[in-house]
């Protein structure tokens, strides 16, 4: 009978641990999906898309070479990759100072594109 009581206590303890941990794990995944559409992240992604369209236009007009376009796009991609890395560390969002830094990098890229 004593072994049965210990076994029951262990099962109860294990179930309690699972019950406590499960909502936290589910909440983290849900928060990450929600924050993927965080306004600061969206702003940067939208901006890189607009710049990409401008690059394509400038290449068609002959104002940028393919090599220049490739270099600017690579720089824009590095900003997006940094945004993803920062968001991963911050639980799905980027801070205002991180956004400001990335916008400065995109400003420099934008000046290379022209109008």
N, C-alpha and C. Protein backbone atom coordinates (compact mmCIF):
# COMPACT_ATOMS: atom_id res chain seq x y z
N UNK A 1 0.83 -1.19 0.00
CA UNK A 1 0.00 0.00 0.00
C UNK A 1 0.86 1.25 0.00
N UNK A 2 1.97 1.18 0.67
CA UNK A 2 2.85 2.33 0.77
C UNK A 2 3.44 2.68 -0.60
N UNK A 3 3.83 1.70 -1.38
CA UNK A 3 4.36 1.92 -2.72
C UNK A 3 3.31 2.58 -3.60
N UNK A 4 2.10 2.19 -3.47
CA UNK A 4 1.01 2.74 -4.24
C UNK A 4 0.80 4.22 -3.89
N UNK A 5 0.93 4.60 -2.65
CA UNK A 5 0.77 5.98 -2.23
C UNK A 5 1.89 6.84 -2.80
N UNK A 6 3.13 6.34 -2.77
CA UNK A 6 4.27 7.08 -3.34
C UNK A 6 4.08 7.27 -4.84
N UNK A 7 3.67 6.20 -5.50
CA UNK A 7 3.45 6.24 -6.94
C UNK A 7 2.37 7.26 -7.29
N UNK A 8 1.31 7.28 -6.51
CA UNK A 8 0.22 8.24 -6.74
C UNK A 8 0.70 9.66 -6.55
N UNK A 9 1.53 9.86 -5.52
CA UNK A 9 2.07 11.21 -5.28
C UNK A 9 2.96 11.66 -6.43
N UNK A 10 3.78 10.75 -6.96
CA UNK A 10 4.65 11.09 -8.09
C UNK A 10 3.83 11.44 -9.34
N UNK A 11 2.81 10.68 -9.59
CA UNK A 11 1.94 10.96 -10.74
C UNK A 11 1.26 12.31 -10.56
N UNK A 12 0.77 12.58 -9.38
CA UNK A 12 0.11 13.86 -9.10
C UNK A 12 1.09 15.01 -9.25
N UNK A 13 2.30 14.84 -8.77
CA UNK A 13 3.33 15.87 -8.89
C UNK A 13 3.67 16.13 -10.37
N UNK A 14 3.81 15.05 -11.15
CA UNK A 14 4.10 15.19 -12.58
C UNK A 14 2.99 15.90 -13.33
N UNK A 15 1.75 15.54 -13.03
CA UNK A 15 0.62 16.19 -13.69
C UNK A 15 0.52 17.66 -13.32
N UNK A 16 0.84 17.97 -12.08
CA UNK A 16 0.83 19.37 -11.64
C UNK A 16 1.88 20.17 -12.39
N UNK A 17 3.07 19.58 -12.55
CA UNK A 17 4.14 20.27 -13.28
C UNK A 17 3.75 20.53 -14.73
N UNK A 18 3.12 19.55 -15.35
CA UNK A 18 2.68 19.72 -16.74
C UNK A 18 1.60 20.79 -16.83
N UNK A 19 0.68 20.79 -15.89
CA UNK A 19 -0.41 21.76 -15.91
C UNK A 19 0.10 23.18 -15.73
N UNK A 20 1.13 23.32 -14.91
CA UNK A 20 1.70 24.65 -14.67
C UNK A 20 2.50 25.12 -15.89
N UNK A 21 3.26 24.23 -16.51
CA UNK A 21 4.13 24.61 -17.62
C UNK A 21 3.38 24.79 -18.93
N UNK A 22 2.35 24.03 -19.18
CA UNK A 22 1.67 24.03 -20.47
C UNK A 22 1.09 25.39 -20.87
N UNK A 23 0.38 26.10 -20.00
CA UNK A 23 -0.15 27.41 -20.44
C UNK A 23 0.94 28.40 -20.81
N UNK A 24 2.04 28.38 -20.11
CA UNK A 24 3.15 29.28 -20.43
C UNK A 24 3.74 29.00 -21.78
N UNK A 25 3.90 27.72 -22.10
CA UNK A 25 4.45 27.36 -23.40
C UNK A 25 3.49 27.73 -24.52
N UNK A 26 2.24 27.48 -24.34
CA UNK A 26 1.25 27.81 -25.38
C UNK A 26 1.17 29.32 -25.55
N UNK A 27 1.22 30.06 -24.47
CA UNK A 27 1.15 31.52 -24.54
C UNK A 27 2.33 32.12 -25.28
N UNK A 28 3.52 31.55 -25.09
CA UNK A 28 4.69 32.06 -25.77
C UNK A 28 4.54 31.91 -27.28
N UNK A 29 4.07 30.76 -27.72
CA UNK A 29 3.91 30.55 -29.15
C UNK A 29 2.86 31.49 -29.70
N UNK A 30 1.78 31.67 -29.01
CA UNK A 30 0.71 32.55 -29.47
C UNK A 30 1.20 33.99 -29.53
N UNK A 31 1.91 34.45 -28.49
CA UNK A 31 2.41 35.82 -28.48
C UNK A 31 3.37 36.06 -29.64
N UNK A 32 4.21 35.06 -29.94
CA UNK A 32 5.17 35.23 -31.01
C UNK A 32 4.46 35.43 -32.35
N UNK A 33 3.41 34.65 -32.60
CA UNK A 33 2.69 34.80 -33.86
C UNK A 33 2.00 36.16 -33.92
N UNK A 34 1.46 36.61 -32.82
CA UNK A 34 0.77 37.90 -32.79
C UNK A 34 1.76 39.04 -33.01
N UNK A 35 2.89 38.99 -32.32
CA UNK A 35 3.87 40.06 -32.41
C UNK A 35 4.61 40.08 -33.73
N UNK A 36 4.48 39.01 -34.52
CA UNK A 36 5.10 39.00 -35.84
C UNK A 36 4.53 40.14 -36.68
N UNK A 37 3.33 40.57 -36.36
CA UNK A 37 2.69 41.67 -37.08
C UNK A 37 2.75 42.97 -36.28
N UNK A 38 3.74 43.08 -35.44
CA UNK A 38 3.91 44.29 -34.62
C UNK A 38 4.12 45.50 -35.54
N UNK A 39 3.51 46.63 -35.24
CA UNK A 39 3.58 47.80 -36.12
C UNK A 39 5.00 48.25 -36.48
N UNK A 40 5.91 48.22 -35.52
CA UNK A 40 7.28 48.65 -35.84
C UNK A 40 7.94 47.69 -36.81
N UNK A 41 7.67 46.40 -36.66
CA UNK A 41 8.22 45.41 -37.59
C UNK A 41 7.59 45.57 -38.96
N UNK A 42 6.28 45.76 -39.00
CA UNK A 42 5.58 45.94 -40.28
C UNK A 42 6.10 47.16 -41.03
N UNK A 43 6.35 48.23 -40.31
CA UNK A 43 6.82 49.46 -40.94
C UNK A 43 8.15 49.21 -41.65
N UNK A 44 9.06 48.50 -41.01
CA UNK A 44 10.35 48.24 -41.63
C UNK A 44 10.23 47.32 -42.83
N UNK A 45 9.42 46.29 -42.71
CA UNK A 45 9.24 45.36 -43.83
C UNK A 45 8.59 46.07 -45.01
N UNK A 46 7.55 46.87 -44.74
CA UNK A 46 6.89 47.62 -45.81
C UNK A 46 7.87 48.57 -46.49
N UNK A 47 8.72 49.19 -45.70
CA UNK A 47 9.67 50.14 -46.26
C UNK A 47 10.68 49.43 -47.17
N UNK A 48 11.15 48.27 -46.76
CA UNK A 48 12.10 47.55 -47.62
C UNK A 48 11.42 47.09 -48.91
N UNK A 49 10.14 46.76 -48.85
CA UNK A 49 9.41 46.39 -50.08
C UNK A 49 9.31 47.59 -51.02
N UNK A 50 9.01 48.76 -50.45
CA UNK A 50 8.92 49.96 -51.30
C UNK A 50 10.28 50.29 -51.93
N UNK A 51 11.33 50.14 -51.14
CA UNK A 51 12.67 50.43 -51.67
C UNK A 51 13.03 49.43 -52.77
N UNK A 52 12.62 48.19 -52.60
CA UNK A 52 12.90 47.19 -53.62
C UNK A 52 12.22 47.55 -54.94
N UNK A 53 10.98 48.05 -54.85
CA UNK A 53 10.28 48.49 -56.07
C UNK A 53 11.00 49.68 -56.71
N UNK A 54 11.48 50.59 -55.89
CA UNK A 54 12.22 51.74 -56.42
C UNK A 54 13.51 51.29 -57.10
N UNK A 55 14.19 50.33 -56.51
CA UNK A 55 15.42 49.81 -57.10
C UNK A 55 15.13 49.22 -58.47
N UNK A 56 14.08 48.40 -58.55
CA UNK A 56 13.70 47.79 -59.82
C UNK A 56 13.42 48.86 -60.86
N UNK A 57 12.70 49.90 -60.47
CA UNK A 57 12.39 50.99 -61.39
C UNK A 57 13.67 51.69 -61.85
N UNK A 58 14.58 51.97 -60.94
CA UNK A 58 15.82 52.67 -61.29
C UNK A 58 16.70 51.83 -62.21
N UNK A 59 16.70 50.52 -62.02
CA UNK A 59 17.46 49.64 -62.92
C UNK A 59 16.85 49.70 -64.32
N UNK A 60 15.53 49.64 -64.40
CA UNK A 60 14.84 49.72 -65.71
C UNK A 60 15.12 51.04 -66.42
N UNK A 61 15.21 52.10 -65.64
CA UNK A 61 15.48 53.43 -66.21
C UNK A 61 16.96 53.62 -66.55
N UNK A 62 17.79 52.70 -66.09
CA UNK A 62 19.23 52.81 -66.38
C UNK A 62 19.98 53.69 -65.40
N UNK A 63 19.35 54.07 -64.31
CA UNK A 63 20.00 54.94 -63.33
C UNK A 63 20.79 54.16 -62.29
N UNK A 64 20.54 52.86 -62.20
CA UNK A 64 21.31 51.97 -61.34
C UNK A 64 21.77 50.78 -62.16
N UNK A 65 22.98 50.32 -61.89
CA UNK A 65 23.44 49.10 -62.53
C UNK A 65 22.92 47.91 -61.73
N UNK A 66 23.01 46.74 -62.33
CA UNK A 66 22.58 45.54 -61.62
C UNK A 66 23.45 45.31 -60.38
N UNK A 67 24.72 45.62 -60.47
CA UNK A 67 25.62 45.44 -59.33
C UNK A 67 25.24 46.38 -58.18
N UNK A 68 24.92 47.63 -58.54
CA UNK A 68 24.49 48.58 -57.50
C UNK A 68 23.19 48.12 -56.86
N UNK A 69 22.26 47.67 -57.69
CA UNK A 69 20.98 47.18 -57.17
C UNK A 69 21.20 46.00 -56.24
N UNK A 70 22.07 45.09 -56.63
CA UNK A 70 22.35 43.91 -55.80
C UNK A 70 22.92 44.33 -54.45
N UNK A 71 23.83 45.29 -54.46
CA UNK A 71 24.46 45.74 -53.21
C UNK A 71 23.44 46.41 -52.28
N UNK A 72 22.57 47.23 -52.83
CA UNK A 72 21.56 47.91 -52.02
C UNK A 72 20.56 46.89 -51.46
N UNK A 73 20.15 45.95 -52.30
CA UNK A 73 19.22 44.91 -51.83
C UNK A 73 19.85 44.06 -50.73
N UNK A 74 21.13 43.77 -50.87
CA UNK A 74 21.83 42.99 -49.85
C UNK A 74 21.85 43.76 -48.53
N UNK A 75 22.06 45.06 -48.61
CA UNK A 75 22.06 45.88 -47.41
C UNK A 75 20.67 45.92 -46.77
N UNK A 76 19.63 46.04 -47.60
CA UNK A 76 18.26 46.00 -47.09
C UNK A 76 17.95 44.65 -46.42
N UNK A 77 18.43 43.56 -47.06
CA UNK A 77 18.21 42.23 -46.46
C UNK A 77 18.89 42.11 -45.11
N UNK A 78 20.06 42.71 -44.96
CA UNK A 78 20.74 42.63 -43.67
C UNK A 78 19.95 43.37 -42.59
N UNK A 79 19.28 44.46 -42.97
CA UNK A 79 18.43 45.18 -42.02
C UNK A 79 17.25 44.30 -41.60
N UNK A 80 16.64 43.62 -42.56
CA UNK A 80 15.51 42.74 -42.25
C UNK A 80 15.97 41.58 -41.37
N UNK A 81 17.13 41.03 -41.66
CA UNK A 81 17.66 39.94 -40.83
C UNK A 81 17.94 40.42 -39.42
N UNK A 82 18.47 41.63 -39.28
CA UNK A 82 18.71 42.18 -37.95
C UNK A 82 17.40 42.40 -37.20
N UNK A 83 16.38 42.87 -37.93
CA UNK A 83 15.06 43.06 -37.34
C UNK A 83 14.51 41.74 -36.80
N UNK A 84 14.66 40.67 -37.58
CA UNK A 84 14.19 39.36 -37.14
C UNK A 84 14.95 38.89 -35.91
N UNK A 85 16.26 39.08 -35.91
CA UNK A 85 17.07 38.65 -34.77
C UNK A 85 16.70 39.44 -33.51
N UNK A 86 16.54 40.75 -33.66
CA UNK A 86 16.17 41.58 -32.51
C UNK A 86 14.79 41.19 -31.99
N UNK A 87 13.86 40.94 -32.89
CA UNK A 87 12.51 40.56 -32.49
C UNK A 87 12.52 39.22 -31.76
N UNK A 88 13.35 38.32 -32.21
CA UNK A 88 13.44 37.00 -31.57
C UNK A 88 13.91 37.16 -30.12
N UNK A 89 14.87 38.04 -29.91
CA UNK A 89 15.39 38.28 -28.56
C UNK A 89 14.36 39.00 -27.69
N UNK A 90 13.57 39.88 -28.29
CA UNK A 90 12.63 40.71 -27.54
C UNK A 90 11.23 40.13 -27.45
N UNK A 91 11.05 38.90 -27.79
CA UNK A 91 9.73 38.28 -27.68
C UNK A 91 8.77 38.65 -28.79
N UNK A 92 9.27 38.93 -29.98
CA UNK A 92 8.39 39.16 -31.11
C UNK A 92 8.25 40.61 -31.54
N UNK A 93 8.94 41.53 -30.90
CA UNK A 93 8.83 42.92 -31.32
C UNK A 93 10.22 43.56 -31.30
N UNK A 94 10.34 44.75 -31.87
CA UNK A 94 11.59 45.50 -31.79
C UNK A 94 11.33 46.78 -31.01
N UNK A 95 12.35 47.27 -30.36
CA UNK A 95 12.21 48.49 -29.56
C UNK A 95 12.24 49.71 -30.48
N UNK A 96 11.85 50.84 -29.93
CA UNK A 96 11.87 52.07 -30.72
C UNK A 96 13.28 52.45 -31.12
N UNK A 97 14.24 52.25 -30.23
CA UNK A 97 15.63 52.58 -30.57
C UNK A 97 16.18 51.66 -31.65
N UNK A 98 15.78 50.38 -31.62
CA UNK A 98 16.19 49.46 -32.68
C UNK A 98 15.56 49.88 -34.01
N UNK A 99 14.29 50.27 -33.98
CA UNK A 99 13.63 50.73 -35.18
C UNK A 99 14.32 51.98 -35.73
N UNK A 100 14.68 52.89 -34.85
CA UNK A 100 15.35 54.12 -35.26
C UNK A 100 16.67 53.80 -35.96
N UNK A 101 17.45 52.89 -35.39
CA UNK A 101 18.74 52.51 -35.97
C UNK A 101 18.55 51.88 -37.35
N UNK A 102 17.57 50.99 -37.45
CA UNK A 102 17.32 50.34 -38.73
C UNK A 102 16.81 51.33 -39.77
N UNK A 103 15.98 52.29 -39.36
CA UNK A 103 15.51 53.32 -40.29
C UNK A 103 16.67 54.17 -40.79
N UNK A 104 17.65 54.44 -39.94
CA UNK A 104 18.83 55.19 -40.37
C UNK A 104 19.60 54.42 -41.43
N UNK A 105 19.71 53.10 -41.25
CA UNK A 105 20.39 52.28 -42.25
C UNK A 105 19.60 52.29 -43.56
N UNK A 106 18.28 52.20 -43.46
CA UNK A 106 17.45 52.23 -44.66
C UNK A 106 17.48 53.60 -45.32
N UNK A 107 17.63 54.68 -44.53
CA UNK A 107 17.77 56.03 -45.10
C UNK A 107 19.02 56.11 -45.97
N UNK A 108 20.12 55.54 -45.47
CA UNK A 108 21.36 55.54 -46.24
C UNK A 108 21.20 54.76 -47.55
N UNK A 109 20.51 53.64 -47.47
CA UNK A 109 20.24 52.86 -48.68
C UNK A 109 19.35 53.63 -49.64
N UNK A 110 18.35 54.32 -49.11
CA UNK A 110 17.42 55.08 -49.92
C UNK A 110 18.14 56.18 -50.70
N UNK A 111 19.11 56.80 -50.09
CA UNK A 111 19.87 57.87 -50.77
C UNK A 111 20.66 57.31 -51.96
N UNK A 112 21.07 56.06 -51.85
CA UNK A 112 21.81 55.43 -52.96
C UNK A 112 20.87 55.12 -54.12
N UNK A 113 19.60 54.91 -53.84
CA UNK A 113 18.64 54.56 -54.89
C UNK A 113 18.32 55.78 -55.74
N UNK A 114 18.10 56.90 -55.12
CA UNK A 114 17.68 58.08 -55.88
C UNK A 114 16.17 58.15 -55.96
N UNK A 115 15.68 59.00 -56.82
CA UNK A 115 14.21 59.18 -56.92
C UNK A 115 13.71 58.90 -58.28
